[in-house]
Protein backbone atom coordinates (compact mmCIF):
# COMPACT_ATOMS: atom_id res chain seq x y z
CA MET A 1 50.12 -98.23 -81.14
CA ARG A 2 46.36 -98.70 -81.37
CA ILE A 3 37.44 -98.57 -86.33
CA LEU A 4 35.23 -100.43 -85.45
CA LEU A 5 33.21 -103.30 -84.41
CA LEU A 6 31.15 -103.47 -81.19
CA SER A 7 30.79 -100.49 -78.94
CA LEU A 8 32.18 -101.42 -75.58
CA ALA A 9 30.83 -98.07 -74.49
CA LEU A 10 27.31 -99.53 -74.81
CA SER A 11 28.15 -102.42 -72.52
CA VAL A 12 29.93 -100.16 -70.01
CA PHE A 13 27.38 -97.37 -69.86
CA TYR A 14 24.17 -99.33 -70.46
CA GLY A 15 25.11 -102.50 -68.66
CA GLN A 16 24.58 -104.84 -71.60
CA PRO A 17 26.80 -107.89 -71.79
CA LEU A 18 29.10 -108.05 -74.77
CA ALA A 19 27.49 -111.19 -76.18
CA ALA A 20 24.06 -109.56 -76.19
CA GLN A 21 25.12 -106.79 -78.53
CA GLY A 22 26.26 -108.79 -81.51
CA ASN A 23 25.44 -112.12 -83.10
CA ASP A 24 28.30 -114.17 -84.54
CA SER A 25 26.04 -117.12 -85.38
CA ASN A 26 24.10 -115.19 -88.04
CA PRO A 27 26.45 -112.45 -89.26
CA PRO A 28 25.23 -109.98 -91.87
CA PRO A 29 26.96 -109.65 -95.24
CA HIS A 30 29.25 -106.75 -96.07
CA PRO A 31 27.19 -103.97 -97.66
CA SER A 32 29.33 -103.64 -100.80
CA LEU A 33 31.72 -106.62 -101.13
CA PRO A 34 31.00 -110.28 -101.93
CA ALA A 35 31.55 -112.98 -99.29
CA CYS A 36 34.93 -114.75 -99.23
CA ASN A 37 35.24 -118.46 -99.98
CA ARG A 38 37.75 -120.30 -97.75
CA ASN A 39 38.70 -122.58 -100.65
CA ASP A 40 39.39 -119.71 -103.05
CA SER A 41 42.97 -120.11 -104.32
CA GLN A 42 43.04 -116.42 -105.31
CA LEU A 43 43.01 -115.18 -101.71
CA LEU A 44 46.07 -113.23 -100.55
CA LEU A 45 45.90 -114.07 -96.87
CA PRO A 46 47.86 -112.35 -94.09
CA ASP A 47 50.16 -114.29 -91.76
CA LEU A 48 50.25 -112.79 -88.27
CA VAL A 49 53.31 -113.44 -86.11
CA ALA A 50 53.54 -112.71 -82.39
CA ASP A 51 56.73 -110.99 -81.25
CA VAL A 52 58.34 -112.15 -78.01
CA PRO A 53 57.29 -109.88 -75.10
CA THR A 54 59.91 -107.29 -74.12
CA SER A 55 60.72 -104.97 -71.19
CA VAL A 56 58.98 -107.27 -68.68
CA ARG A 57 58.81 -105.97 -65.12
CA THR A 58 56.69 -106.22 -61.98
CA ALA A 59 55.36 -102.85 -60.84
CA LEU A 60 52.96 -101.35 -58.31
CA LYS A 61 50.10 -99.21 -59.58
CA GLY A 62 47.42 -97.86 -57.27
CA GLY A 63 48.48 -100.30 -54.55
CA ARG A 64 48.11 -103.32 -56.88
CA ARG A 65 50.78 -105.44 -58.51
CA ILE A 66 50.91 -105.57 -62.29
CA LEU A 67 53.21 -107.27 -64.78
CA GLU A 68 54.10 -104.74 -67.48
CA PHE A 69 55.57 -105.64 -70.86
CA GLY A 70 55.74 -104.61 -74.50
CA THR A 71 54.57 -106.69 -77.45
CA ALA A 72 54.14 -106.46 -81.22
CA VAL A 73 52.22 -108.23 -83.97
CA GLY A 74 53.69 -108.50 -87.47
CA ASN A 75 52.36 -109.58 -90.85
CA ILE A 76 54.58 -111.76 -93.09
CA GLY A 77 51.81 -113.11 -95.32
CA GLN A 78 50.92 -112.56 -98.97
CA GLY A 79 48.28 -109.91 -98.31
CA PRO A 80 47.55 -107.21 -95.74
CA LEU A 81 45.38 -107.65 -92.69
CA VAL A 82 42.47 -105.26 -93.24
CA VAL A 83 39.57 -104.90 -90.80
CA ASP A 84 36.62 -102.73 -91.83
CA GLY A 85 34.08 -101.38 -89.33
CA ARG A 86 30.42 -100.95 -90.25
CA THR A 87 27.86 -99.70 -87.73
CA VAL A 88 24.35 -101.19 -87.80
CA SER A 89 21.25 -100.96 -85.62
CA THR A 90 20.13 -103.96 -83.56
CA PRO A 91 17.39 -104.47 -80.94
CA ASN A 92 20.08 -103.79 -78.32
CA GLY A 93 21.27 -100.58 -79.95
CA GLU A 94 24.00 -99.72 -82.44
CA VAL A 95 26.94 -102.09 -82.87
CA THR A 96 29.97 -101.77 -85.08
CA GLN A 97 30.63 -105.01 -86.89
CA ALA A 98 34.09 -106.03 -88.05
CA PHE A 99 34.69 -107.40 -91.51
CA GLN A 100 38.01 -108.86 -92.60
CA ILE A 101 38.68 -107.55 -96.10
CA ILE A 102 40.81 -110.00 -98.12
CA TRP A 103 42.61 -109.02 -101.30
CA ARG A 104 42.60 -111.39 -104.31
CA ARG A 105 45.28 -111.94 -106.94
CA ASP A 106 43.10 -110.45 -109.70
CA GLY A 107 42.88 -107.13 -107.80
CA SER A 108 39.36 -107.65 -106.44
CA ARG A 109 38.41 -107.91 -102.78
CA CYS A 110 36.00 -109.95 -100.68
CA ALA A 111 34.77 -109.69 -97.08
CA ARG A 112 33.88 -111.92 -94.15
CA HIS A 113 32.45 -111.23 -90.69
CA ALA A 114 35.25 -111.27 -88.06
CA GLY A 115 33.67 -110.00 -84.83
CA PHE A 116 33.14 -106.51 -83.49
CA PHE A 117 34.85 -103.24 -82.79
CA GLU A 118 34.89 -101.96 -79.23
CA TYR A 119 35.15 -98.41 -77.92
CA HIS A 120 37.79 -98.14 -75.18
CA PRO A 121 37.17 -95.12 -72.91
CA ALA A 122 40.73 -95.20 -71.50
CA HIS A 123 42.17 -94.64 -74.98
CA SER A 124 39.21 -92.85 -76.64
CA HIS A 125 39.83 -95.21 -79.56
CA TRP A 126 37.94 -97.89 -81.44
CA HIS A 127 39.59 -101.32 -81.09
CA PHE A 128 39.21 -104.62 -82.87
CA GLY A 129 37.91 -107.01 -80.20
CA ASP A 130 39.62 -110.20 -78.95
CA PHE A 131 42.76 -109.58 -80.96
CA VAL A 132 45.41 -110.61 -78.41
CA ASP A 133 45.49 -112.80 -75.29
CA TYR A 134 48.22 -112.42 -72.67
CA GLU A 135 48.79 -115.57 -70.63
CA LEU A 136 50.88 -116.27 -67.54
CA ARG A 137 51.62 -120.00 -67.27
CA VAL A 138 53.50 -122.22 -64.82
CA GLY A 139 56.07 -124.80 -65.96
CA ASN A 140 55.33 -124.86 -69.70
CA PRO A 141 54.35 -122.02 -72.08
CA SER A 142 51.82 -124.22 -73.93
CA THR A 143 50.46 -126.77 -71.49
CA GLY A 144 51.40 -125.33 -68.10
CA THR A 145 48.82 -124.30 -65.53
CA LEU A 146 47.27 -120.96 -66.43
CA ALA A 147 48.00 -118.56 -63.56
CA THR A 148 46.13 -115.65 -65.11
CA ILE A 149 45.02 -114.36 -68.51
CA GLY A 150 44.24 -110.96 -69.95
CA LYS A 151 42.31 -110.37 -73.15
CA LYS A 152 43.30 -107.22 -75.00
CA ALA A 153 41.57 -105.57 -77.88
CA SER A 154 44.02 -104.13 -80.36
CA PHE A 155 45.17 -100.65 -79.41
CA CYS A 156 44.48 -99.77 -83.03
CA LEU A 157 45.80 -101.75 -85.99
CA LEU A 158 48.48 -99.60 -87.59
CA ASP A 159 51.75 -99.92 -89.52
CA LEU A 160 54.26 -98.72 -86.93
CA GLU A 161 57.50 -100.66 -87.56
CA ARG A 162 58.96 -102.76 -90.32
CA VAL A 163 59.39 -106.48 -89.82
CA ARG A 164 63.13 -107.13 -89.68
CA GLY A 165 64.49 -108.18 -93.06
CA MET A 166 61.47 -106.91 -95.03
CA ASP A 167 61.30 -103.59 -96.92
CA ASN A 168 57.72 -103.70 -98.26
CA PRO A 169 55.96 -100.36 -98.79
CA ARG A 170 52.83 -99.61 -96.79
CA GLN A 171 49.69 -100.94 -98.48
CA LEU A 172 47.06 -99.18 -96.38
CA ALA A 173 46.00 -95.54 -96.19
CA ASN A 174 43.45 -93.44 -94.31
CA GLN A 175 43.69 -95.56 -91.20
CA SER A 176 41.93 -94.07 -88.19
CA CYS A 177 41.57 -94.93 -84.51
CA ASN A 178 38.99 -92.28 -83.64
CA ALA A 179 36.31 -92.90 -86.26
CA GLN A 180 33.58 -95.40 -85.48
CA GLN A 181 33.61 -96.67 -89.07
CA GLY A 182 36.56 -97.23 -91.38
CA GLU A 183 39.57 -99.43 -91.95
CA GLN A 184 42.46 -100.49 -89.75
CA GLY A 185 45.12 -103.04 -90.54
CA ILE A 186 48.72 -104.20 -90.88
CA SER A 187 50.50 -104.20 -94.25
CA VAL A 188 52.75 -107.04 -95.37
CA GLY A 189 56.21 -106.54 -93.87
CA TRP A 190 54.97 -104.25 -91.07
CA LYS A 191 54.03 -104.67 -87.44
CA ASP A 192 51.75 -103.06 -84.88
CA VAL A 193 53.58 -102.21 -81.64
CA TYR A 194 52.28 -102.09 -78.08
CA GLU A 195 54.65 -100.30 -75.70
CA ARG A 196 54.91 -101.30 -72.06
CA THR A 197 53.79 -97.82 -71.01
CA LEU A 198 50.47 -97.96 -72.90
CA PRO A 199 47.23 -98.28 -70.89
CA ASP A 200 46.21 -101.90 -70.12
CA GLN A 201 49.50 -103.26 -71.46
CA ASN A 202 49.88 -105.45 -68.38
CA LEU A 203 48.50 -108.34 -66.36
CA ASP A 204 46.91 -107.89 -62.93
CA LEU A 205 48.79 -110.02 -60.39
CA ASP A 206 46.27 -109.54 -57.58
CA GLU A 207 42.93 -110.18 -59.34
CA PRO A 208 41.09 -112.49 -59.61
CA THR A 209 43.62 -114.32 -57.42
CA ALA A 210 46.95 -113.24 -55.94
CA ILE A 211 49.87 -114.59 -57.98
CA PRO A 212 52.81 -115.65 -55.74
CA THR A 213 56.39 -114.72 -56.51
CA GLY A 214 58.29 -117.06 -58.79
CA SER A 215 59.18 -117.84 -62.40
CA TYR A 216 56.46 -118.02 -65.06
CA PHE A 217 56.06 -118.02 -68.82
CA LEU A 218 54.52 -114.87 -70.30
CA VAL A 219 52.76 -115.76 -73.57
CA ASN A 220 51.72 -113.37 -76.36
CA ALA A 221 48.86 -115.13 -78.21
CA VAL A 222 47.50 -113.39 -81.33
CA ASP A 223 43.97 -114.14 -82.59
CA ALA A 224 43.47 -116.84 -79.96
CA SER A 225 39.71 -116.72 -80.68
CA ASP A 226 40.43 -117.58 -84.34
CA ARG A 227 38.40 -114.71 -85.78
CA LEU A 228 40.76 -114.02 -88.69
CA TRP A 229 41.74 -116.05 -91.74
CA GLU A 230 45.48 -116.52 -92.12
CA SER A 231 47.82 -118.56 -94.30
CA ASN A 232 49.65 -119.94 -91.22
CA GLU A 233 48.21 -120.39 -87.72
CA SER A 234 51.30 -122.01 -86.17
CA ASN A 235 53.26 -118.80 -85.43
CA ASN A 236 50.59 -116.91 -83.48
CA ARG A 237 52.19 -117.52 -80.07
CA SER A 238 55.46 -116.41 -78.52
CA PHE A 239 56.69 -116.43 -74.95
CA ILE A 240 59.41 -115.35 -72.56
CA GLN A 241 60.31 -116.34 -69.02
CA ALA A 242 59.04 -113.74 -66.56
CA ASN A 243 59.86 -113.39 -62.88
CA VAL A 244 57.30 -112.06 -60.44
CA ASN A 245 59.57 -110.56 -57.81
CA VAL A 246 57.05 -108.61 -55.72
CA GLY A 247 54.88 -110.67 -53.39
CA PRO A 248 51.22 -110.04 -52.51
CA ARG A 249 50.73 -107.10 -50.23
CA VAL A 250 50.55 -108.12 -46.55
CA PHE A 251 48.64 -105.83 -44.23
CA PRO A 252 49.80 -105.56 -40.56
CA THR A 253 47.66 -107.22 -37.92
CA TYR A 254 47.14 -106.07 -34.32
CA ALA A 255 46.38 -108.21 -31.28
CA ALA A 256 42.98 -107.48 -29.74
CA THR A 257 42.96 -106.96 -25.92
CA ALA A 258 39.98 -106.99 -23.53
CA THR A 259 39.45 -103.90 -21.41
CA ALA A 260 38.31 -104.38 -17.82
CA THR A 261 35.05 -102.85 -16.67
CA ALA A 262 34.08 -102.07 -13.08
CA THR A 263 31.07 -103.78 -11.44
CA ILE A 264 28.57 -101.31 -10.09
CA ALA A 265 26.36 -102.62 -7.29
CA GLY A 266 22.78 -103.16 -8.31
CA GLN A 267 23.49 -102.83 -12.06
CA PRO A 268 24.29 -105.51 -14.61
CA GLN A 269 27.94 -105.69 -15.66
CA PRO A 270 28.41 -104.35 -19.20
CA THR A 271 29.77 -106.66 -21.87
CA PRO A 272 33.54 -106.25 -22.22
CA THR A 273 34.62 -104.40 -25.35
CA ARG A 274 37.66 -105.18 -27.46
CA ARG A 275 40.11 -102.48 -28.43
CA VAL A 276 42.86 -102.64 -31.01
CA SER A 277 46.22 -101.70 -29.60
CA ARG A 278 48.06 -99.29 -31.85
CA PRO A 279 51.60 -98.01 -31.77
CA VAL A 280 52.03 -95.02 -29.45
CA ARG A 281 52.95 -91.86 -31.31
CA ALA A 282 55.98 -89.94 -30.21
CA PRO A 283 55.06 -86.68 -28.51
CA ARG A 284 55.20 -83.62 -30.74
CA PRO A 285 58.00 -81.18 -29.99
CA THR A 286 56.94 -78.16 -28.01
CA ARG A 287 56.52 -75.11 -30.23
CA ALA A 288 58.14 -71.91 -29.01
CA PRO A 289 55.55 -69.34 -27.92
CA ARG A 290 54.84 -66.54 -30.38
CA PRO A 291 55.83 -63.05 -29.28
CA SER A 292 52.89 -61.02 -28.10
CA ARG A 293 51.49 -58.58 -30.63
CA PRO A 294 50.79 -55.04 -29.43
CA ARG A 295 47.13 -54.31 -29.12
CA GLY A 296 45.50 -51.51 -30.98
CA ASP A 297 43.48 -50.85 -34.07
CA ARG A 298 45.06 -51.58 -37.41
CA PRO A 299 45.13 -48.67 -39.85
CA LYS A 300 42.35 -48.92 -42.41
CA PRO A 301 42.93 -48.12 -46.08
CA ASN A 302 41.44 -44.94 -47.42
CA ASN A 303 39.67 -46.88 -50.20
CA PRO A 304 38.20 -50.12 -48.85
CA SER A 305 37.24 -51.37 -52.31
CA PRO A 306 39.66 -53.82 -53.96
CA THR A 307 42.07 -52.40 -56.50
CA PRO A 308 41.24 -53.68 -59.99
CA THR A 309 43.96 -55.79 -61.58
CA SER A 310 45.02 -55.54 -65.19
CA ARG A 311 44.55 -58.47 -67.58
CA PRO A 312 47.65 -60.66 -67.59
CA SER A 313 49.67 -60.43 -70.74
CA ASP A 314 50.07 -63.37 -73.11
CA PRO A 315 52.53 -65.92 -71.74
CA PRO A 316 56.02 -65.67 -73.20
CA PRO A 317 57.44 -68.66 -75.08
CA GLY A 318 58.14 -71.52 -72.70
CA VAL A 319 55.50 -70.49 -70.16
CA CYS A 320 52.65 -72.98 -70.20
CA ARG A 321 49.35 -71.69 -68.90
CA ALA A 322 46.80 -74.30 -69.94
CA THR A 323 43.31 -72.80 -69.91
CA CYS A 324 41.49 -76.12 -70.29
CA PRO A 325 42.68 -79.76 -70.01
CA TYR A 326 42.71 -80.83 -73.63
CA SER A 327 43.71 -84.47 -74.15
CA LEU A 328 46.63 -85.35 -76.43
CA GLN A 329 46.28 -88.64 -78.31
CA GLN A 330 47.82 -90.56 -81.20
CA VAL A 331 51.17 -88.84 -80.71
CA ARG A 332 53.83 -89.61 -83.30
CA LEU A 333 57.25 -87.93 -83.03
CA THR A 334 60.10 -88.68 -85.41
CA TRP A 335 63.22 -86.67 -84.80
CA TYR A 336 66.43 -87.55 -86.55
CA ASP A 337 69.18 -85.89 -88.54
CA ALA A 338 68.07 -83.06 -90.78
CA ALA A 339 69.42 -84.75 -93.90
CA SER A 340 66.89 -87.57 -93.35
CA GLY A 341 63.92 -85.35 -92.72
CA GLY A 342 64.30 -83.42 -89.48
CA LEU A 343 61.43 -83.26 -87.00
CA ASN A 344 57.88 -84.45 -87.55
CA LEU A 345 55.37 -84.16 -84.70
CA SER A 346 51.75 -85.21 -85.14
CA LEU A 347 49.08 -85.49 -82.47
CA PHE A 348 45.32 -85.42 -82.08
CA VAL A 349 44.07 -82.79 -79.62
CA ARG A 350 40.76 -83.98 -78.21
CA ASP A 351 38.34 -81.25 -77.08
CA GLY A 352 36.67 -83.26 -74.31
CA ASN A 353 34.96 -80.67 -72.10
CA CYS A 354 37.03 -77.84 -73.55
CA PRO A 355 35.98 -75.38 -76.27
CA ALA A 356 36.85 -76.41 -79.80
CA ILE A 357 40.28 -75.11 -80.79
CA SER A 358 39.90 -72.06 -83.01
CA VAL A 359 42.77 -69.92 -84.30
CA SER A 360 42.85 -66.93 -86.63
CA SER A 361 45.28 -65.56 -89.17
CA GLY A 362 47.97 -63.44 -87.55
CA GLU A 363 47.80 -65.07 -84.11
CA ARG A 364 51.14 -65.82 -82.52
CA GLY A 365 52.23 -68.54 -80.16
CA SER A 366 54.99 -70.91 -79.15
CA LEU A 367 55.87 -74.58 -78.87
CA THR A 368 58.11 -75.88 -76.10
CA MET A 369 59.48 -79.34 -75.35
CA ASN A 370 61.34 -79.34 -72.07
CA ARG A 371 62.16 -81.27 -68.91
CA TRP A 372 63.36 -84.38 -70.70
CA LEU A 373 63.51 -87.11 -68.06
CA THR A 374 65.15 -90.50 -68.43
CA GLN A 375 63.73 -93.73 -67.06
CA ALA A 376 65.78 -93.16 -63.92
CA GLY A 377 64.18 -89.73 -63.45
CA ARG A 378 67.30 -87.79 -64.50
CA ASP A 379 66.61 -84.44 -66.14
CA THR A 380 68.82 -84.20 -69.23
CA GLY A 381 68.39 -80.43 -69.45
CA ARG A 382 67.42 -80.65 -73.13
CA LEU A 383 65.07 -78.02 -74.52
CA HIS A 384 63.41 -77.34 -77.86
CA GLN A 385 61.55 -74.05 -78.07
CA ILE A 386 60.23 -72.13 -81.08
CA SER A 387 57.80 -69.29 -81.72
CA LEU A 388 55.05 -69.52 -84.34
CA GLN A 389 52.68 -67.32 -86.30
CA MET A 390 49.48 -68.45 -88.02
CA ASP A 391 49.07 -67.39 -91.66
CA SER A 392 45.51 -68.72 -91.70
CA HIS A 393 43.18 -70.57 -89.34
CA THR A 394 44.78 -73.88 -90.35
CA ALA A 395 48.43 -73.18 -91.23
CA GLY A 396 51.37 -71.21 -89.88
CA ARG A 397 55.15 -70.90 -89.82
CA THR A 398 57.72 -71.29 -87.07
CA SER A 399 60.92 -69.50 -86.07
CA ASP A 400 63.01 -72.53 -87.10
CA SER A 401 61.67 -72.37 -90.70
CA GLY A 402 59.14 -75.08 -89.96
CA GLN A 403 55.42 -75.37 -90.60
CA ILE A 404 52.36 -75.72 -88.35
CA HIS A 405 49.02 -77.19 -89.44
CA MET A 406 45.78 -77.28 -87.43
CA THR A 407 43.13 -79.49 -89.05
CA PRO A 408 39.69 -79.55 -87.38
CA THR A 409 38.30 -83.06 -87.06
CA ARG A 410 35.39 -84.64 -85.26
CA GLY A 411 35.84 -84.10 -81.53
CA GLY A 412 39.11 -82.19 -81.80
CA SER A 413 41.94 -81.08 -84.06
CA THR A 414 44.93 -82.74 -85.65
CA PHE A 415 48.10 -80.74 -84.96
CA THR A 416 51.29 -81.24 -86.99
CA TYR A 417 54.67 -79.53 -86.77
CA THR A 418 57.52 -80.20 -89.19
CA SER A 419 60.95 -78.61 -89.44
CA GLN A 420 64.58 -79.30 -90.25
CA SER A 421 65.64 -78.99 -86.59
CA PRO A 422 68.67 -81.01 -85.52
CA PRO A 423 67.93 -84.06 -83.34
CA LEU A 424 67.28 -83.57 -79.66
CA ALA A 425 66.14 -87.11 -78.86
CA GLY A 426 66.18 -90.26 -80.92
CA PRO A 427 68.44 -93.08 -82.10
CA GLY A 428 72.09 -92.85 -81.18
CA LEU A 429 71.87 -89.94 -78.74
CA GLY A 430 72.57 -91.93 -75.59
CA LEU A 431 69.28 -91.51 -73.70
CA GLU A 432 67.85 -94.16 -71.40
CA PHE A 433 64.42 -95.09 -72.74
CA PRO A 434 61.57 -94.62 -72.15
CA VAL A 435 61.98 -90.86 -71.88
CA VAL A 436 59.42 -88.35 -70.64
CA PHE A 437 59.08 -84.72 -71.67
CA ASP A 438 56.60 -81.87 -71.25
CA LEU A 439 54.97 -80.44 -74.37
CA CYS A 440 53.28 -77.04 -74.36
CA VAL A 441 51.71 -75.32 -77.38
CA ASN A 442 50.33 -71.78 -77.11
CA VAL A 443 48.34 -70.37 -80.03
CA GLY A 444 46.67 -67.03 -79.36
CA ASP A 445 44.66 -67.39 -76.15
CA GLN A 446 44.45 -71.21 -76.36
CA THR A 447 46.91 -73.66 -74.87
CA PHE A 448 47.19 -77.42 -74.88
CA ALA A 449 49.83 -79.22 -72.90
CA GLY A 450 50.73 -82.67 -71.68
CA ARG A 451 53.45 -84.96 -70.44
CA LEU A 452 54.49 -87.45 -73.11
CA VAL A 453 56.13 -90.85 -72.61
CA CYS A 454 58.25 -91.98 -75.56
CA GLN A 455 59.96 -95.18 -76.70
CA GLU A 456 62.90 -95.23 -79.09
CA LYS A 457 62.22 -96.54 -82.58
CA PRO A 458 64.55 -97.06 -85.57
CA ARG A 459 63.90 -93.55 -86.90
CA GLY A 460 62.43 -91.60 -84.04
CA LEU A 461 60.15 -91.79 -81.03
CA LEU A 462 56.70 -93.27 -80.45
CA CYS A 463 54.90 -91.37 -77.68
CA HIS A 464 51.66 -91.26 -75.77
CA GLU A 465 50.25 -89.00 -73.10
CA GLY A 466 51.51 -90.08 -69.69
C-alpha cells in the first residue's frame, strides 16, 4: 500500500541524523512551479481523513510483543494530494525534497516545500516522511497518557480503494514507489491502504518501555507534523479501543546456592563459589546395541572416478526450482468473475544480488499459484497452473489464452499476467482472510518465486511478499 524526499538510507548507512540532512527553515523553491500562496482562493486543497484502525491484535514477533493493525488514509477534498520528489545535493550528501503540488481552479499548479522523502530498506521503496503517527493512549484518545507512539512514513501514496459513497475517477498517473524522483499521491474519492501484515504496521509493546496488559485507545493520526496544506484539519485523527492481552515476557529465575569447600591444612581457604541450580534432566533411554558387522574388506569399484551426471531437465509446470532469491514487490492481484475482467497479476521483480532477468523469443515456462492457506493455516487445496511461451523478450502467451509481459526497469523487471480465468480467490468465495499462497514463475532457465500474503478487497486481492 506504499518518491521521494530525504534518503533514510543516508542516515542509516552513513550515521547522519535525519535533521542534519535537510533544512525545513530555508526550503528551496520548486524548480519549475511557482510557490503557493496560503490565501489563494483558487487552490483546490485535499482533505485527508483517517480511517479507524482495523484487525487489531497483539502478537509475538522475534520474542517481542507487537500490536498489529490495519489503517487507511482517504482524500475527500476538492483536489488531489500530490507529493513530488526532487533530489538535490547538500553539504551532507544528496537529499530528496518533498513538494506538495496543489492544483488551482484555472488548471494551473503551484508547489510548496513539505518535508523529505525517505528510503525504507525493509520495503525497498521511497516514502513520504512523517505522514502518519500511531498512538497508544490510556483513558482518553485525545488527552490520555501516551503509552507509546510510532511514527510511520507512508508505505507509498497510492490510489488503492475508493472512499465509500464516492465514485470519482483517478486523477493521478505514473505513480511510482521505486523511483527516487517522481510523484505519489491520493486522488479525490480514493484512499491509501495499509494492511496489518505490511512491514512496520504495528507498535512495539516492549520498547522503549514494557506496556502492561489492559485496555487502551489506538489512534491513527494523519499528518500530525502538519506538513501538508488541507481544507480541513479536524478529521485527521481516528481511534479504536484496543486490548493488550499478552503481558511482558517473564524470564524464570533460579535460586543461587553456596557450595562447600574443604579446608586444607597450611593453605588459605578458597572463596566459596555460587552455582545456579538447574532442573535435572531425565536420563536418556538406553539405545539397543547395534549388531556387529562382519569384518573384511569392502569390494572396491572397478572405476574409482565418480560417474558424471547428466544436466537436469527443465522443471515441469508446478515444480519451483528458484535459482536465485529474487524479491517480489508491489504485488497487485485482482481476480474476479471473467465477465468483469478475469485475472490481473502485476508485480515488480527486484534483481537484488541476482542476475537481471533476461528472456528470449521462443522460451517456454509456467506459472503456478498453489498451497492456498487461510488465516487458520488450513490448506484449501486450490491451484492455478498455466504454461507460457514467450513471443519476444518482453511479451508472451499462456495456455489459458492470457498474456505475459516482462518490462525491464531500473533494478528489476515488472511482470504482468492477465487472462479471463475464473475466480480462484476473491470476494464472495468464502475464504478466511488474510490468505497465503505460493507463487512460482519459470521462464526458460530463470525462476522467481515467493510466498504472498493477501487481503480481500472489493474487487480482488492486495498482496505483498510474506
